[in-house]
Amino acid sequence: MVTARQWIGLLGVSACSFSAAAAQTTISDAIVITELFESFQLVDPSGPSATPLGLSAANPFGVPGIPGQLLLEPSGTLLFTDFSLLRRLDPATGLITEVAELPGGVFSSIALEADGSVIANNASGVYRINVVTGQVDVFANDITFFGPGGVAVAGNGDIFVTEFFEDLYKINPVTGDFTLVPTDGAFSVPGLVEALPNGDLAIWDFPSGLFVFDPDTGTSTPVPTGLTASGTAVGSNGAYLVANGDGVFEIDLVTGVSTQLTPDETFFSAFDVVQGTITIPEPASAALLFVGLGLVRRRR
């Protein structure tokens, strides 16, 4: 007969074996949304309903307070802001680790450089974060940001920052020099900004909506979407994505026609969105744990 102590030991071995051998599944073109009350929502292209992305009970920080801005690293891990903190979530394990803390207050926006560094901004300035060491360096400038908006990194490495009252700045990634980018005045309160594969910028102006901006000519083209935006991203196929309370949409930047990628899903308050390849635990593998427990009980 197996004693209670032996049963607990067997249970531990079974759980450890399950953990070590747990199956995983990789999802291409997966969509992840940060959302109030739900933390992280996962949308698998094979089924457009959103499901909570699993978080490990072993996280030293507990459940994130309000995860906001979101980035997908090439490795498939997620970087997210939590007020003034930058953290990393590994979807394969559900574990969250600390990356860095931003001086000067809450994050406004974040973007990823080609080498994996994060460019971030807030009311105090623009920063580069080394996601390996956690070192935070500020781009020196004499600009006071009245209302910091979005930040984007172009394919050539140039950094673009939007600021309240029509301002758009370009930062040289090597020298850190700030340059005011001339615009045609089409947008008045630029906020969210994404660098498009062709070198243009997609800028969301909160009073007027979406514009495609050519930084070489300083000209803007309005895109009639009829949508609002709380989060934007360039998807895995180069398409422009928008998240809001009604779901996630892919927008044709020429016609403004939108395709809803989550047709049976609405969000109480979506914050941001990313799309790419991630790995998660295989849902069916959880049943193996119960099989293991059943074997232990039968042996007892």
Protein backbone atom coordinates (compact mmCIF):
# COMPACT_ATOMS: atom_id res chain seq x y z
CA MET A 1 0.00 0.00 0.00
CA VAL A 2 1.29 3.45 -0.88
CA THR A 3 1.43 5.80 2.09
CA ALA A 4 0.25 9.40 1.98
CA ARG A 5 3.87 10.59 1.87
CA GLN A 6 4.69 8.22 -0.99
CA TRP A 7 1.50 9.28 -2.81
CA ILE A 8 2.56 12.93 -2.59
CA GLY A 9 6.01 11.99 -3.91
CA LEU A 10 4.50 10.10 -6.82
CA LEU A 11 2.21 13.03 -7.51
CA GLY A 12 5.20 15.35 -7.62
CA VAL A 13 7.06 13.06 -10.02
CA SER A 14 3.96 12.83 -12.21
CA ALA A 15 3.54 16.60 -12.27
CA CYS A 16 7.23 17.14 -13.03
CA SER A 17 7.15 14.60 -15.81
CA PHE A 18 4.08 16.31 -17.22
CA SER A 19 5.77 19.69 -17.05
CA ALA A 20 8.90 18.43 -18.76
CA ALA A 21 7.04 16.60 -21.50
CA ALA A 22 4.13 19.00 -22.01
CA ALA A 23 3.35 19.32 -25.68
CA GLN A 24 3.47 22.72 -27.33
CA THR A 25 1.91 24.12 -30.46
CA THR A 26 3.22 26.91 -32.68
CA ILE A 27 0.71 29.31 -34.22
CA SER A 28 1.59 31.32 -37.30
CA ASP A 29 -0.09 34.71 -37.80
CA ALA A 30 -1.38 34.61 -34.22
CA ILE A 31 -2.88 37.84 -32.89
CA VAL A 32 -2.33 38.91 -29.29
CA ILE A 33 -4.25 41.78 -27.70
CA THR A 34 -3.73 43.48 -24.36
CA GLU A 35 -7.15 44.14 -22.87
CA LEU A 36 -8.52 45.57 -19.65
CA PHE A 37 -9.72 42.80 -17.27
CA GLU A 38 -8.39 40.01 -19.52
CA SER A 39 -4.66 40.88 -19.63
CA PHE A 40 -3.66 39.03 -22.81
CA GLN A 41 -6.06 37.69 -25.41
CA LEU A 42 -4.98 35.24 -28.11
CA VAL A 43 -6.65 34.94 -31.50
CA ASP A 44 -5.74 31.87 -33.57
CA PRO A 45 -6.40 32.44 -37.31
CA SER A 46 -8.04 29.01 -37.45
CA GLY A 47 -10.69 30.21 -34.99
CA PRO A 48 -11.39 33.92 -34.69
CA SER A 49 -12.68 33.84 -31.10
CA ALA A 50 -10.29 35.34 -28.58
CA THR A 51 -9.14 33.23 -25.63
CA PRO A 52 -7.06 34.26 -22.62
CA LEU A 53 -3.34 33.66 -23.04
CA GLY A 54 -2.25 31.43 -20.18
CA LEU A 55 -0.20 32.96 -17.36
CA SER A 56 1.83 30.87 -14.93
CA ALA A 57 0.87 30.82 -11.26
CA ALA A 58 4.61 30.98 -10.56
CA ASN A 59 4.92 34.57 -11.77
CA PRO A 60 6.66 36.57 -9.03
CA PHE A 61 4.61 39.68 -9.89
CA GLY A 62 1.19 38.04 -9.93
CA VAL A 63 -1.23 39.10 -12.66
CA PRO A 64 -0.12 42.25 -14.53
CA GLY A 65 -1.98 45.35 -13.36
CA ILE A 66 -2.88 46.88 -16.71
CA PRO A 67 -0.67 45.57 -19.53
CA GLY A 68 -0.63 48.29 -22.16
CA GLN A 69 1.74 48.65 -25.12
CA LEU A 70 2.80 45.40 -26.73
CA LEU A 71 5.68 44.15 -28.92
CA LEU A 72 6.41 40.72 -30.37
CA GLU A 73 10.08 39.76 -30.35
CA PRO A 74 11.55 37.57 -33.12
CA SER A 75 11.88 34.73 -30.61
CA GLY A 76 8.11 34.73 -30.07
CA THR A 77 8.20 36.32 -26.61
CA LEU A 78 6.07 39.38 -25.82
CA LEU A 79 7.30 42.66 -24.39
CA PHE A 80 4.65 44.71 -22.65
CA THR A 81 4.38 47.86 -20.58
CA ASP A 82 2.83 47.89 -17.13
CA PHE A 83 2.72 51.56 -16.14
CA SER A 84 6.45 52.50 -15.94
CA LEU A 85 7.70 48.90 -16.13
CA LEU A 86 8.73 46.92 -19.19
CA ARG A 87 8.20 43.18 -18.80
CA ARG A 88 8.49 40.06 -20.94
CA LEU A 89 5.95 37.25 -21.24
CA ASP A 90 6.94 33.87 -22.64
CA PRO A 91 3.70 32.43 -24.11
CA ALA A 92 5.21 28.92 -24.09
CA THR A 93 5.53 28.89 -20.28
CA GLY A 94 3.27 31.72 -19.14
CA LEU A 95 6.19 33.16 -17.14
CA ILE A 96 6.73 36.91 -16.81
CA THR A 97 10.13 38.48 -16.19
CA GLU A 98 11.22 42.03 -15.47
CA VAL A 99 13.14 43.89 -18.20
CA ALA A 100 13.49 47.53 -17.16
CA GLU A 101 11.84 50.51 -15.49
CA LEU A 102 11.37 53.72 -17.43
CA PRO A 103 12.46 56.91 -15.64
CA GLY A 104 10.20 59.92 -15.80
CA GLY A 105 6.84 58.20 -15.63
CA VAL A 106 4.47 55.91 -17.48
CA PHE A 107 5.25 54.58 -20.95
CA SER A 108 3.51 56.30 -23.82
CA SER A 109 4.58 53.99 -26.63
CA ILE A 110 7.25 51.43 -27.59
CA ALA A 111 8.83 50.17 -30.81
CA LEU A 112 11.40 47.52 -31.68
CA GLU A 113 14.76 48.16 -33.35
CA ALA A 114 16.41 45.64 -35.66
CA ASP A 115 18.91 44.58 -32.97
CA GLY A 116 16.11 43.89 -30.47
CA SER A 117 16.45 47.11 -28.47
CA VAL A 118 13.26 48.93 -27.51
CA ILE A 119 12.62 52.58 -28.26
CA ALA A 120 10.22 54.12 -25.74
CA ASN A 121 8.82 57.55 -25.00
CA ASN A 122 6.96 59.42 -22.30
CA ALA A 123 6.51 63.02 -21.24
CA SER A 124 10.14 63.21 -20.13
CA GLY A 125 11.83 62.08 -23.32
CA VAL A 126 12.72 59.27 -25.72
CA TYR A 127 14.72 56.28 -24.52
CA ARG A 128 16.55 53.21 -25.82
CA ILE A 129 16.25 50.09 -23.66
CA ASN A 130 18.67 47.17 -23.83
CA VAL A 131 16.32 44.24 -23.26
CA VAL A 132 19.20 41.94 -22.26
CA THR A 133 20.84 44.10 -19.60
CA GLY A 134 17.90 46.36 -18.74
CA GLN A 135 20.01 49.48 -19.31
CA VAL A 136 17.98 52.57 -20.20
CA ASP A 137 19.60 55.42 -22.15
CA VAL A 138 17.89 58.70 -22.98
CA PHE A 139 18.25 60.52 -26.29
CA ALA A 140 19.48 63.94 -25.23
CA ASN A 141 17.37 66.80 -26.56
CA ASP A 142 16.01 70.19 -25.58
CA ILE A 143 12.40 69.33 -26.46
CA THR A 144 9.71 69.24 -23.82
CA PHE A 145 6.91 66.93 -24.85
CA PHE A 146 3.54 68.46 -24.07
CA GLY A 147 1.67 65.32 -25.11
CA PRO A 148 3.86 62.42 -26.27
CA GLY A 149 2.16 60.19 -28.81
CA GLY A 150 3.54 57.18 -30.64
CA VAL A 151 6.99 56.00 -31.63
CA ALA A 152 8.04 53.94 -34.66
CA VAL A 153 11.27 52.58 -36.12
CA ALA A 154 11.59 52.68 -39.91
CA GLY A 155 13.30 50.01 -41.97
CA ASN A 156 16.44 52.17 -42.31
CA GLY A 157 16.63 52.58 -38.53
CA ASP A 158 15.27 56.13 -38.31
CA ILE A 159 13.09 56.75 -35.26
CA PHE A 160 9.87 58.75 -35.56
CA VAL A 161 8.00 60.27 -32.63
CA THR A 162 4.63 62.02 -32.76
CA GLU A 163 3.77 64.83 -30.39
CA PHE A 164 0.64 66.80 -29.60
CA PHE A 165 -0.16 69.82 -31.84
CA GLU A 166 1.08 68.57 -35.23
CA ASP A 167 4.69 67.80 -34.39
CA LEU A 168 6.52 64.86 -35.89
CA TYR A 169 10.17 64.32 -35.01
CA LYS A 170 12.80 62.11 -36.60
CA ILE A 171 15.69 60.87 -34.48
CA ASN A 172 18.98 59.71 -35.95
CA PRO A 173 19.52 56.29 -34.32
CA VAL A 174 23.31 56.75 -34.22
CA THR A 175 23.80 60.39 -33.25
CA GLY A 176 20.51 60.85 -31.39
CA ASP A 177 19.89 64.15 -33.17
CA PHE A 178 16.27 65.33 -33.32
CA THR A 179 14.86 66.80 -36.54
CA LEU A 180 11.43 68.35 -36.89
CA VAL A 181 9.77 66.70 -39.91
CA PRO A 182 7.84 69.18 -42.10
CA THR A 183 4.21 68.16 -42.62
CA ASP A 184 1.33 69.46 -44.71
CA GLY A 185 -0.79 70.13 -41.62
CA ALA A 186 -3.35 67.45 -42.49
CA PHE A 187 -3.20 65.98 -39.00
CA SER A 188 -3.52 68.10 -35.87
CA VAL A 189 -3.19 65.66 -32.95
CA PRO A 190 -1.01 62.80 -34.20
CA GLY A 191 -0.88 59.83 -31.90
CA LEU A 192 -0.34 56.21 -32.88
CA VAL A 193 2.29 55.75 -35.59
CA GLU A 194 3.57 52.70 -37.46
CA ALA A 195 6.45 52.43 -39.94
CA LEU A 196 5.21 50.71 -43.10
CA PRO A 197 7.35 48.36 -45.21
CA ASN A 198 7.56 50.92 -48.07
CA GLY A 199 9.02 53.64 -45.82
CA ASP A 200 5.79 55.58 -45.29
CA LEU A 201 4.22 56.14 -41.89
CA ALA A 202 0.66 55.27 -40.88
CA ILE A 203 -0.36 58.01 -38.44
CA TRP A 204 -3.58 57.97 -36.47
CA ASP A 205 -4.84 61.48 -35.83
CA PHE A 206 -7.45 61.33 -33.11
CA PRO A 207 -9.76 64.08 -34.43
CA SER A 208 -9.45 63.15 -38.09
CA GLY A 209 -8.57 59.46 -38.32
CA LEU A 210 -5.92 57.65 -40.31
CA PHE A 211 -3.33 59.13 -42.68
CA VAL A 212 -0.51 57.66 -44.72
CA PHE A 213 2.41 60.09 -44.50
CA ASP A 214 5.43 60.20 -46.77
CA PRO A 215 8.34 61.58 -44.69
CA ASP A 216 10.37 62.31 -47.83
CA THR A 217 7.80 64.66 -49.36
CA GLY A 218 5.92 65.73 -46.21
CA THR A 219 2.56 64.87 -47.79
CA SER A 220 -0.37 63.10 -46.15
CA THR A 221 -3.08 60.97 -47.70
CA PRO A 222 -6.28 60.40 -45.65
CA VAL A 223 -7.54 56.84 -45.38
CA PRO A 224 -11.33 56.72 -44.86
CA THR A 225 -11.86 53.84 -42.42
CA GLY A 226 -14.80 54.93 -40.28
CA LEU A 227 -13.03 53.28 -37.34
CA THR A 228 -11.49 54.36 -34.05
CA ALA A 229 -8.16 52.99 -32.85
CA SER A 230 -6.76 52.11 -29.43
CA GLY A 231 -3.85 50.05 -30.73
CA THR A 232 -2.15 49.58 -34.10
CA ALA A 233 0.47 47.28 -35.60
CA VAL A 234 2.01 46.09 -38.83
CA GLY A 235 0.95 42.47 -39.18
CA SER A 236 3.08 39.49 -40.12
CA ASN A 237 2.16 39.91 -43.81
CA GLY A 238 2.91 43.66 -43.78
CA ALA A 239 -0.76 44.64 -43.48
CA TYR A 240 -1.91 47.45 -41.19
CA LEU A 241 -3.88 46.30 -38.14
CA VAL A 242 -6.13 48.26 -35.80
CA ALA A 243 -7.59 47.16 -32.47
CA ASN A 244 -10.54 48.81 -30.76
CA GLY A 245 -13.56 47.80 -28.70
CA ASP A 246 -15.21 46.19 -31.72
CA GLY A 247 -12.32 43.83 -32.43
CA VAL A 248 -9.21 43.66 -34.61
CA PHE A 249 -9.29 44.89 -38.20
CA GLU A 250 -6.96 44.69 -41.20
CA ILE A 251 -7.12 47.90 -43.23
CA ASP A 252 -6.37 48.43 -46.89
CA LEU A 253 -4.40 51.68 -46.78
CA VAL A 254 -5.37 52.56 -50.37
CA THR A 255 -9.15 52.11 -50.21
CA GLY A 256 -9.75 52.26 -46.44
CA VAL A 257 -11.72 48.99 -46.63
CA SER A 258 -11.43 47.05 -43.36
CA THR A 259 -11.65 43.30 -42.77
CA GLN A 260 -12.58 42.24 -39.26
CA LEU A 261 -10.25 39.48 -38.08
CA THR A 262 -12.31 38.83 -34.95
CA PRO A 263 -15.88 38.77 -36.32
CA ASP A 264 -17.39 37.18 -33.21
CA GLU A 265 -15.41 39.15 -30.63
CA THR A 266 -15.63 42.55 -28.98
CA PHE A 267 -13.39 43.95 -26.25
CA PHE A 268 -14.28 46.02 -23.22
CA SER A 269 -11.11 48.08 -23.65
CA ALA A 270 -8.37 46.90 -26.01
CA PHE A 271 -4.99 48.57 -25.58
CA ASP A 272 -2.64 47.20 -28.21
CA VAL A 273 -2.21 44.42 -30.75
CA VAL A 274 0.59 42.41 -32.38
CA GLN A 275 0.64 39.61 -34.94
CA GLY A 276 3.22 36.92 -35.59
CA THR A 277 4.38 33.44 -34.68
CA ILE A 278 4.12 32.33 -31.06
CA THR A 279 4.33 29.01 -29.22
CA ILE A 280 1.86 28.06 -26.50
CA PRO A 281 1.23 24.90 -24.45
CA GLU A 282 -0.88 22.40 -26.34
CA PRO A 283 -4.35 22.55 -24.72
CA ALA A 284 -4.90 18.82 -25.05
CA SER A 285 -1.68 18.05 -23.17
CA ALA A 286 -3.24 19.28 -19.94
CA ALA A 287 -5.33 16.10 -19.94
CA LEU A 288 -2.11 14.10 -19.49
CA LEU A 289 -1.80 15.45 -15.97
CA PHE A 290 -5.16 14.03 -15.01
CA VAL A 291 -4.19 10.70 -16.59
CA GLY A 292 -1.08 10.70 -14.46
CA LEU A 293 -3.09 11.43 -11.32
CA GLY A 294 -5.48 8.64 -12.22
CA LEU A 295 -2.63 6.15 -12.52
CA VAL A 296 -1.30 7.17 -9.12
CA ARG A 297 -4.73 6.71 -7.54
CA ARG A 298 -5.16 3.29 -9.18
CA ARG A 299 -1.74 2.22 -7.91
CA ARG A 300 -2.73 3.32 -4.43
